[in-house]
Structures are given as C-alpha cells and as structure tokens.
Amino acid sequence: MATTKRRLNITLSPEIDELIKEIAKRDEVPQATKVAELLRSSLLLEEDRALSLLGEERLRDKGKKISHTDIWG
C-alpha cells in the first residue's frame, strides 16, 4: 500500500538511536512517529526563534512607531 507521507532516510548516531528507542518505548509509539513528533516540536521552536529575532530587529528600528491603540482602537 502506498503512503501519502514523504519518507526520509537519515543516519543516526548510536546514542541518538538508543534515545529514540527508549523515548518511543516509553510513549508506546513507533520510533518513526516519535521522530516525527520531535521534529515537529523542533521546527516550532525554530519558528519561534526566527519570529523573536524579527521582532527584536523591528524594536531596534528607529523609524516611526504606531501605538497599539492606533492599530487596534
């Protein structure tokens, strides 16, 4: 049966492989499911980091500021 999800082959160090096995066993899910969950969480953290950097850059900008009240009423 064909899958609709893209497959990705990766090489894990023995230490990471063992951690994935332990975490997946603890959570009673397949290793691939656990890796996908961890990757999703990691990507959300990266997104937060990128948005924080963008916000900090905008705060440093000395241009005209618009107040919260002017924007939202």
PDB file of N, CA and C in Angstrom:
ATOM      1  N   MET A   1       0.839  -1.181   0.000  1.00  0.00           N
ATOM      2  CA  MET A   1       0.000   0.000   0.000  1.00  0.00           C
ATOM      3  C   MET A   1       0.884   1.244   0.000  1.00  0.00           C
ATOM      4  N   ALA A   2       0.604   2.161  -0.895  1.00  0.00           N
ATOM      5  CA  ALA A   2       1.386   3.397  -0.997  1.00  0.00           C
ATOM      6  C   ALA A   2       1.040   4.325   0.159  1.00  0.00           C
ATOM      7  N   THR A   3       2.029   5.108   0.562  1.00  0.00           N
ATOM      8  CA  THR A   3       1.812   6.075   1.636  1.00  0.00           C
ATOM      9  C   THR A   3       1.695   7.475   1.055  1.00  0.00           C
ATOM     10  N   THR A   4       0.943   8.315   1.731  1.00  0.00           N
ATOM     11  CA  THR A   4       0.806   9.701   1.289  1.00  0.00           C
ATOM     12  C   THR A   4       1.866  10.585   1.920  1.00  0.00           C
ATOM     13  N   LYS A   5       2.580  10.053   2.887  1.00  0.00           N
ATOM     14  CA  LYS A   5       3.606  10.828   3.584  1.00  0.00           C
ATOM     15  C   LYS A   5       4.955  10.621   2.910  1.00  0.00           C
ATOM     16  N   ARG A   6       5.737  11.675   2.841  1.00  0.00           N
ATOM     17  CA  ARG A   6       7.073  11.597   2.269  1.00  0.00           C
ATOM     18  C   ARG A   6       7.988  10.852   3.235  1.00  0.00           C
ATOM     19  N   ARG A   7       8.806   9.997   2.706  1.00  0.00           N
ATOM     20  CA  ARG A   7       9.765   9.260   3.528  1.00  0.00           C
ATOM     21  C   ARG A   7      11.126   9.920   3.427  1.00  0.00           C
ATOM     22  N   LEU A   8      11.873   9.854   4.526  1.00  0.00           N
ATOM     23  CA  LEU A   8      13.189  10.469   4.592  1.00  0.00           C
ATOM     24  C   LEU A   8      14.134   9.492   5.275  1.00  0.00           C
ATOM     25  N   ASN A   9      15.228   9.174   4.614  1.00  0.00           N
ATOM     26  CA  ASN A   9      16.232   8.296   5.211  1.00  0.00           C
ATOM     27  C   ASN A   9      17.272   9.144   5.921  1.00  0.00           C
ATOM     28  N   ILE A  10      17.529   8.839   7.183  1.00  0.00           N
ATOM     29  CA  ILE A  10      18.538   9.561   7.951  1.00  0.00           C
ATOM     30  C   ILE A  10      19.451   8.563   8.640  1.00  0.00           C
ATOM     31  N   THR A  11      20.641   9.015   8.960  1.00  0.00           N
ATOM     32  CA  THR A  11      21.594   8.203   9.699  1.00  0.00           C
ATOM     33  C   THR A  11      21.712   8.775  11.100  1.00  0.00           C
ATOM     34  N   LEU A  12      21.504   7.920  12.098  1.00  0.00           N
ATOM     35  CA  LEU A  12      21.563   8.340  13.495  1.00  0.00           C
ATOM     36  C   LEU A  12      22.828   7.810  14.151  1.00  0.00           C
ATOM     37  N   SER A  13      23.376   8.602  15.049  1.00  0.00           N
ATOM     38  CA  SER A  13      24.476   8.090  15.864  1.00  0.00           C
ATOM     39  C   SER A  13      23.895   7.027  16.795  1.00  0.00           C
ATOM     40  N   PRO A  14      24.714   6.112  17.265  1.00  0.00           N
ATOM     41  CA  PRO A  14      24.211   5.080  18.177  1.00  0.00           C
ATOM     42  C   PRO A  14      23.537   5.672  19.423  1.00  0.00           C
ATOM     43  N   GLU A  15      24.065   6.781  19.919  1.00  0.00           N
ATOM     44  CA  GLU A  15      23.491   7.398  21.118  1.00  0.00           C
ATOM     45  C   GLU A  15      22.083   7.921  20.853  1.00  0.00           C
ATOM     46  N   ILE A  16      21.918   8.610  19.736  1.00  0.00           N
ATOM     47  CA  ILE A  16      20.597   9.153  19.404  1.00  0.00           C
ATOM     48  C   ILE A  16      19.628   8.021  19.085  1.00  0.00           C
ATOM     49  N   ASP A  17      20.099   7.008  18.392  1.00  0.00           N
ATOM     50  CA  ASP A  17      19.259   5.853  18.085  1.00  0.00           C
ATOM     51  C   ASP A  17      18.722   5.231  19.367  1.00  0.00           C
ATOM     52  N   GLU A  18      19.577   5.076  20.351  1.00  0.00           N
ATOM     53  CA  GLU A  18      19.164   4.481  21.625  1.00  0.00           C
ATOM     54  C   GLU A  18      18.152   5.374  22.345  1.00  0.00           C
ATOM     55  N   LEU A  19      18.388   6.679  22.327  1.00  0.00           N
ATOM     56  CA  LEU A  19      17.444   7.605  22.962  1.00  0.00           C
ATOM     57  C   LEU A  19      16.074   7.544  22.293  1.00  0.00           C
ATOM     58  N   ILE A  20      16.063   7.499  20.973  1.00  0.00           N
ATOM     59  CA  ILE A  20      14.792   7.419  20.243  1.00  0.00           C
ATOM     60  C   ILE A  20      14.060   6.131  20.610  1.00  0.00           C
ATOM     61  N   LYS A  21      14.781   5.032  20.662  1.00  0.00           N
ATOM     62  CA  LYS A  21      14.166   3.753  21.038  1.00  0.00           C
ATOM     63  C   LYS A  21      13.538   3.842  22.422  1.00  0.00           C
ATOM     64  N   GLU A  22      14.285   4.400  23.379  1.00  0.00           N
ATOM     65  CA  GLU A  22      13.792   4.499  24.755  1.00  0.00           C
ATOM     66  C   GLU A  22      12.569   5.406  24.857  1.00  0.00           C
ATOM     67  N   ILE A  23      12.625   6.554  24.208  1.00  0.00           N
ATOM     68  CA  ILE A  23      11.510   7.505  24.278  1.00  0.00           C
ATOM     69  C   ILE A  23      10.269   6.926  23.594  1.00  0.00           C
ATOM     70  N   ALA A  24      10.455   6.298  22.438  1.00  0.00           N
ATOM     71  CA  ALA A  24       9.324   5.703  21.724  1.00  0.00           C
ATOM     72  C   ALA A  24       8.696   4.579  22.548  1.00  0.00           C
ATOM     73  N   LYS A  25       9.537   3.776  23.177  1.00  0.00           N
ATOM     74  CA  LYS A  25       9.027   2.692  24.017  1.00  0.00           C
ATOM     75  C   LYS A  25       8.261   3.261  25.208  1.00  0.00           C
ATOM     76  N   ARG A  26       8.815   4.291  25.827  1.00  0.00           N
ATOM     77  CA  ARG A  26       8.166   4.925  26.980  1.00  0.00           C
ATOM     78  C   ARG A  26       6.783   5.452  26.606  1.00  0.00           C
ATOM     79  N   ASP A  27       6.698   6.071  25.435  1.00  0.00           N
ATOM     80  CA  ASP A  27       5.447   6.683  24.991  1.00  0.00           C
ATOM     81  C   ASP A  27       4.547   5.713  24.224  1.00  0.00           C
ATOM     82  N   GLU A  28       5.030   4.496  24.055  1.00  0.00           N
ATOM     83  CA  GLU A  28       4.282   3.435  23.376  1.00  0.00           C
ATOM     84  C   GLU A  28       3.841   3.845  21.967  1.00  0.00           C
ATOM     85  N   VAL A  29       4.801   4.378  21.215  1.00  0.00           N
ATOM     86  CA  VAL A  29       4.563   4.749  19.818  1.00  0.00           C
ATOM     87  C   VAL A  29       5.720   4.213  18.980  1.00  0.00           C
ATOM     88  N   PRO A  30       5.503   4.050  17.678  1.00  0.00           N
ATOM     89  CA  PRO A  30       6.611   3.638  16.813  1.00  0.00           C
ATOM     90  C   PRO A  30       7.722   4.697  16.801  1.00  0.00           C
ATOM     91  N   GLN A  31       8.928   4.248  16.552  1.00  0.00           N
ATOM     92  CA  GLN A  31      10.065   5.170  16.526  1.00  0.00           C
ATOM     93  C   GLN A  31       9.871   6.268  15.482  1.00  0.00           C
ATOM     94  N   ALA A  32       9.362   5.917  14.316  1.00  0.00           N
ATOM     95  CA  ALA A  32       9.161   6.921  13.265  1.00  0.00           C
ATOM     96  C   ALA A  32       8.163   7.989  13.712  1.00  0.00           C
ATOM     97  N   THR A  33       7.137   7.584  14.426  1.00  0.00           N
ATOM     98  CA  THR A  33       6.151   8.538  14.941  1.00  0.00           C
ATOM     99  C   THR A  33       6.799   9.475  15.945  1.00  0.00           C
ATOM    100  N   LYS A  34       7.613   8.930  16.821  1.00  0.00           N
ATOM    101  CA  LYS A  34       8.273   9.760  17.834  1.00  0.00           C
ATOM    102  C   LYS A  34       9.242  10.737  17.177  1.00  0.00           C
ATOM    103  N   VAL A  35      10.001  10.284  16.192  1.00  0.00           N
ATOM    104  CA  VAL A  35      10.931  11.181  15.496  1.00  0.00           C
ATOM    105  C   VAL A  35      10.154  12.293  14.795  1.00  0.00           C
ATOM    106  N   ALA A  36       9.028  11.967  14.178  1.00  0.00           N
ATOM    107  CA  ALA A  36       8.210  12.987  13.511  1.00  0.00           C
ATOM    108  C   ALA A  36       7.688  14.002  14.527  1.00  0.00           C
ATOM    109  N   GLU A  37       7.260  13.544  15.707  1.00  0.00           N
ATOM    110  CA  GLU A  37       6.787  14.451  16.759  1.00  0.00           C
ATOM    111  C   GLU A  37       7.914  15.367  17.232  1.00  0.00           C
ATOM    112  N   LEU A  38       9.087  14.801  17.450  1.00  0.00           N
ATOM    113  CA  LEU A  38      10.229  15.594  17.906  1.00  0.00           C
ATOM    114  C   LEU A  38      10.654  16.609  16.848  1.00  0.00           C
ATOM    115  N   LEU A  39      10.623  16.209  15.600  1.00  0.00           N
ATOM    116  CA  LEU A  39      10.971  17.119  14.510  1.00  0.00           C
ATOM    117  C   LEU A  39       9.963  18.265  14.423  1.00  0.00           C
ATOM    118  N   ARG A  40       8.677  17.939  14.566  1.00  0.00           N
ATOM    119  CA  ARG A  40       7.633  18.966  14.536  1.00  0.00           C
ATOM    120  C   ARG A  40       7.855  19.974  15.666  1.00  0.00           C
ATOM    121  N   SER A  41       8.147  19.489  16.872  1.00  0.00           N
ATOM    122  CA  SER A  41       8.414  20.374  18.013  1.00  0.00           C
ATOM    123  C   SER A  41       9.637  21.240  17.759  1.00  0.00           C
ATOM    124  N   SER A  42      10.663  20.646  17.202  1.00  0.00           N
ATOM    125  CA  SER A  42      11.887  21.383  16.906  1.00  0.00           C
ATOM    126  C   SER A  42      11.636  22.487  15.883  1.00  0.00           C
ATOM    127  N   LEU A  43      10.830  22.195  14.880  1.00  0.00           N
ATOM    128  CA  LEU A  43      10.519  23.201  13.861  1.00  0.00           C
ATOM    129  C   LEU A  43       9.710  24.356  14.447  1.00  0.00           C
ATOM    130  N   LEU A  44       8.822  24.065  15.388  1.00  0.00           N
ATOM    131  CA  LEU A  44       8.068  25.130  16.055  1.00  0.00           C
ATOM    132  C   LEU A  44       9.000  26.025  16.866  1.00  0.00           C
ATOM    133  N   LEU A  45       9.982  25.419  17.527  1.00  0.00           N
ATOM    134  CA  LEU A  45      10.959  26.206  18.282  1.00  0.00           C
ATOM    135  C   LEU A  45      11.781  27.094  17.347  1.00  0.00           C
ATOM    136  N   GLU A  46      12.166  26.558  16.196  1.00  0.00           N
ATOM    137  CA  GLU A  46      12.917  27.347  15.217  1.00  0.00           C
ATOM    138  C   GLU A  46      12.078  28.509  14.694  1.00  0.00           C
ATOM    139  N   GLU A  47      10.791  28.250  14.474  1.00  0.00           N
ATOM    140  CA  GLU A  47       9.899  29.316  14.018  1.00  0.00           C
ATOM    141  C   GLU A  47       9.800  30.412  15.081  1.00  0.00           C
ATOM    142  N   ASP A  48       9.643  30.010  16.348  1.00  0.00           N
ATOM    143  CA  ASP A  48       9.588  30.986  17.442  1.00  0.00           C
ATOM    144  C   ASP A  48      10.859  31.820  17.492  1.00  0.00           C
ATOM    145  N   ARG A  49      11.989  31.164  17.321  1.00  0.00           N
ATOM    146  CA  ARG A  49      13.276  31.870  17.352  1.00  0.00           C
ATOM    147  C   ARG A  49      13.359  32.893  16.222  1.00  0.00           C
ATOM    148  N   ALA A  50      12.967  32.482  15.029  1.00  0.00           N
ATOM    149  CA  ALA A  50      13.018  33.386  13.879  1.00  0.00           C
ATOM    150  C   ALA A  50      12.089  34.582  14.080  1.00  0.00           C
ATOM    151  N   LEU A  51      10.895  34.340  14.600  1.00  0.00           N
ATOM    152  CA  LEU A  51       9.958  35.439  14.831  1.00  0.00           C
ATOM    153  C   LEU A  51      10.446  36.362  15.942  1.00  0.00           C
ATOM    154  N   SER A  52      11.100  35.801  16.953  1.00  0.00           N
ATOM    155  CA  SER A  52      11.670  36.631  18.022  1.00  0.00           C
ATOM    156  C   SER A  52      12.766  37.535  17.478  1.00  0.00           C
ATOM    157  N   LEU A  53      13.625  36.978  16.631  1.00  0.00           N
ATOM    158  CA  LEU A  53      14.682  37.786  16.025  1.00  0.00           C
ATOM    159  C   LEU A  53      14.096  38.898  15.164  1.00  0.00           C
ATOM    160  N   LEU A  54      13.055  38.592  14.425  1.00  0.00           N
ATOM    161  CA  LEU A  54      12.397  39.602  13.600  1.00  0.00           C
ATOM    162  C   LEU A  54      11.803  40.703  14.479  1.00  0.00           C
ATOM    163  N   GLY A  55      11.154  40.308  15.570  1.00  0.00           N
ATOM    164  CA  GLY A  55      10.582  41.291  16.490  1.00  0.00           C
ATOM    165  C   GLY A  55      11.641  42.170  17.120  1.00  0.00           C
ATOM    166  N   GLU A  56      12.758  41.560  17.533  1.00  0.00           N
ATOM    167  CA  GLU A  56      13.850  42.336  18.124  1.00  0.00           C
ATOM    168  C   GLU A  56      14.417  43.333  17.117  1.00  0.00           C
ATOM    169  N   GLU A  57      14.539  42.896  15.872  1.00  0.00           N
ATOM    170  CA  GLU A  57      15.052  43.784  14.824  1.00  0.00           C
ATOM    171  C   GLU A  57      14.110  44.968  14.619  1.00  0.00           C
ATOM    172  N   ARG A  58      12.832  44.699  14.625  1.00  0.00           N
ATOM    173  CA  ARG A  58      11.855  45.777  14.451  1.00  0.00           C
ATOM    174  C   ARG A  58      11.869  46.743  15.635  1.00  0.00           C
ATOM    175  N   LEU A  59      12.094  46.226  16.851  1.00  0.00           N
ATOM    176  CA  LEU A  59      12.156  47.100  18.024  1.00  0.00           C
ATOM    177  C   LEU A  59      13.382  48.005  17.980  1.00  0.00           C
ATOM    178  N   ARG A  60      14.479  47.517  17.399  1.00  0.00           N
ATOM    179  CA  ARG A  60      15.706  48.315  17.288  1.00  0.00           C
ATOM    180  C   ARG A  60      15.580  49.406  16.232  1.00  0.00           C
ATOM    181  N   ASP A  61      14.686  49.197  15.283  1.00  0.00           N
ATOM    182  CA  ASP A  61      14.488  50.167  14.202  1.00  0.00           C
ATOM    183  C   ASP A  61      14.029  51.501  14.791  1.00  0.00           C
ATOM    184  N   LYS A  62      14.689  52.562  14.396  1.00  0.00           N
ATOM    185  CA  LYS A  62      14.392  53.891  14.940  1.00  0.00           C
ATOM    186  C   LYS A  62      13.295  54.612  14.162  1.00  0.00           C
ATOM    187  N   GLY A  63      12.659  53.930  13.235  1.00  0.00           N
ATOM    188  CA  GLY A  63      11.609  54.561  12.434  1.00  0.00           C
ATOM    189  C   GLY A  63      10.367  54.867  13.256  1.00  0.00           C
ATOM    190  N   LYS A  64       9.373  55.418  12.576  1.00  0.00           N
ATOM    191  CA  LYS A  64       8.131  55.815  13.226  1.00  0.00           C
ATOM    192  C   LYS A  64       7.421  54.596  13.808  1.00  0.00           C
ATOM    193  N   LYS A  65       6.953  54.745  15.033  1.00  0.00           N
ATOM    194  CA  LYS A  65       6.210  53.684  15.707  1.00  0.00           C
ATOM    195  C   LYS A  65       4.728  54.029  15.686  1.00  0.00           C
ATOM    196  N   ILE A  66       3.891  53.021  15.581  1.00  0.00           N
ATOM    197  CA  ILE A  66       2.445  53.198  15.634  1.00  0.00           C
ATOM    198  C   ILE A  66       1.966  52.538  16.918  1.00  0.00           C
ATOM    199  N   SER A  67       1.185  53.256  17.699  1.00  0.00           N
ATOM    200  CA  SER A  67       0.753  52.737  19.000  1.00  0.00           C
ATOM    201  C   SER A  67      -0.264  51.610  18.833  1.00  0.00           C
ATOM    202  N   HIS A  68      -0.363  50.807  19.854  1.00  0.00           N
ATOM    203  CA  HIS A  68      -1.322  49.709  19.897  1.00  0.00           C
ATOM    204  C   HIS A  68      -2.741  50.250  19.701  1.00  0.00           C
ATOM    205  N   THR A  69      -3.047  51.347  20.375  1.00  0.00           N
ATOM    206  CA  THR A  69      -4.381  51.948  20.286  1.00  0.00           C
ATOM    207  C   THR A  69      -4.689  52.401  18.865  1.00  0.00           C
ATOM    208  N   ASP A  70      -3.705  52.987  18.191  1.00  0.00           N
ATOM    209  CA  ASP A  70      -3.920  53.426  16.810  1.00  0.00           C
ATOM    210  C   ASP A  70      -4.207  52.246  15.879  1.00  0.00           C
ATOM    211  N   ILE A  71      -3.592  51.135  16.149  1.00  0.00           N
ATOM    212  CA  ILE A  71      -3.781  49.949  15.307  1.00  0.00           C
ATOM    213  C   ILE A  71      -5.102  49.255  15.632  1.00  0.00           C
ATOM    214  N   TRP A  72      -5.328  48.966  16.901  1.00  0.00           N
ATOM    215  CA  TRP A  72      -6.447  48.123  17.315  1.00  0.00           C
ATOM    216  C   TRP A  72      -7.636  48.904  17.882  1.00  0.00           C
ATOM    217  N   GLY A  73      -7.468  50.195  18.089  1.00  0.00           N
ATOM    218  CA  GLY A  73      -8.583  51.009  18.582  1.00  0.00           C
ATOM    219  C   GLY A  73      -8.690  51.106  20.070  1.00  0.00           C
TER     220      GLY A  73
END
